[in-house]
């Protein structure tokens, strides 16, 4: 498949994300009528997620016919070797489904684009907030067209940290609580909005000084990794290696707070 410029791939991802976001906004007034489907006891999907994903897939295939999809609800079967070839759009059609179904205004459309296994473009749209975060490899991170950077906070006592709770696996709760107790003792605040794509966008624009979660999916983080790194931050897995687009834990932040948070959650 012919390689494309990061800018052209961002244009495709942005069009797809905007169309999906519009469909979610249209559905929001009727959340009381939407049927919940259980993927697990505490993990849900709805017709809105599925519709948003179809819109994204159709938009991508119309403009980049040879591209492959790695998406949360219907197109999740790509092994690592597949991700390293050609162009792959990694999409979360509605990050924060539980928030959306409760009318809590913290949910997003997230699309990251891999080319030959490298993240080259990213978009996260905060659907209720109307904010658009974008990045291309080597080109910086932008919020509604204005360039943004990670924060300069270096003192943990002044830091605001984002996190995600382990809501799928009860056995992961106790180890996470130990991490949380150490983090809370050292910072000014910890927040859990419930949409990792927005959390990572918040790191990229300096609203959060750092963020961690012990297990995320590739569609949760593909766009956010590039947003953070192009804004001057670090995004690693729990071993300290550059964070892959995979099922993995993640630590992200400005360089100083990333280092502090990484050491804190890994200390005993």
Foldseek 3Di string as FASTA:
>chain_A
DDDDALVVVQVLQVVLFVVLLVLLVVCLVPLVPWDWDDPDPPDTDTVSQVVSVVSSVVSCCVVPVPEAECEDPDRNDDDLVNLQAAKYKYWRSKFQVVCSSVVNQFIWIKIWMGGNQHTAKIWIASNVVRWIWIDGVPGAIDIVRHGAAADPDQQQQAFEEEEEAPPPDPVVRVLVVQLVVLSVVRHNYYDYSRQLQVRLLCRLRHVGQKYWYFWDALNSPNRSLRSQVRRQKAKPFLVRHGHHSGTTIIIIGHHNVSVVSSCSSPDD
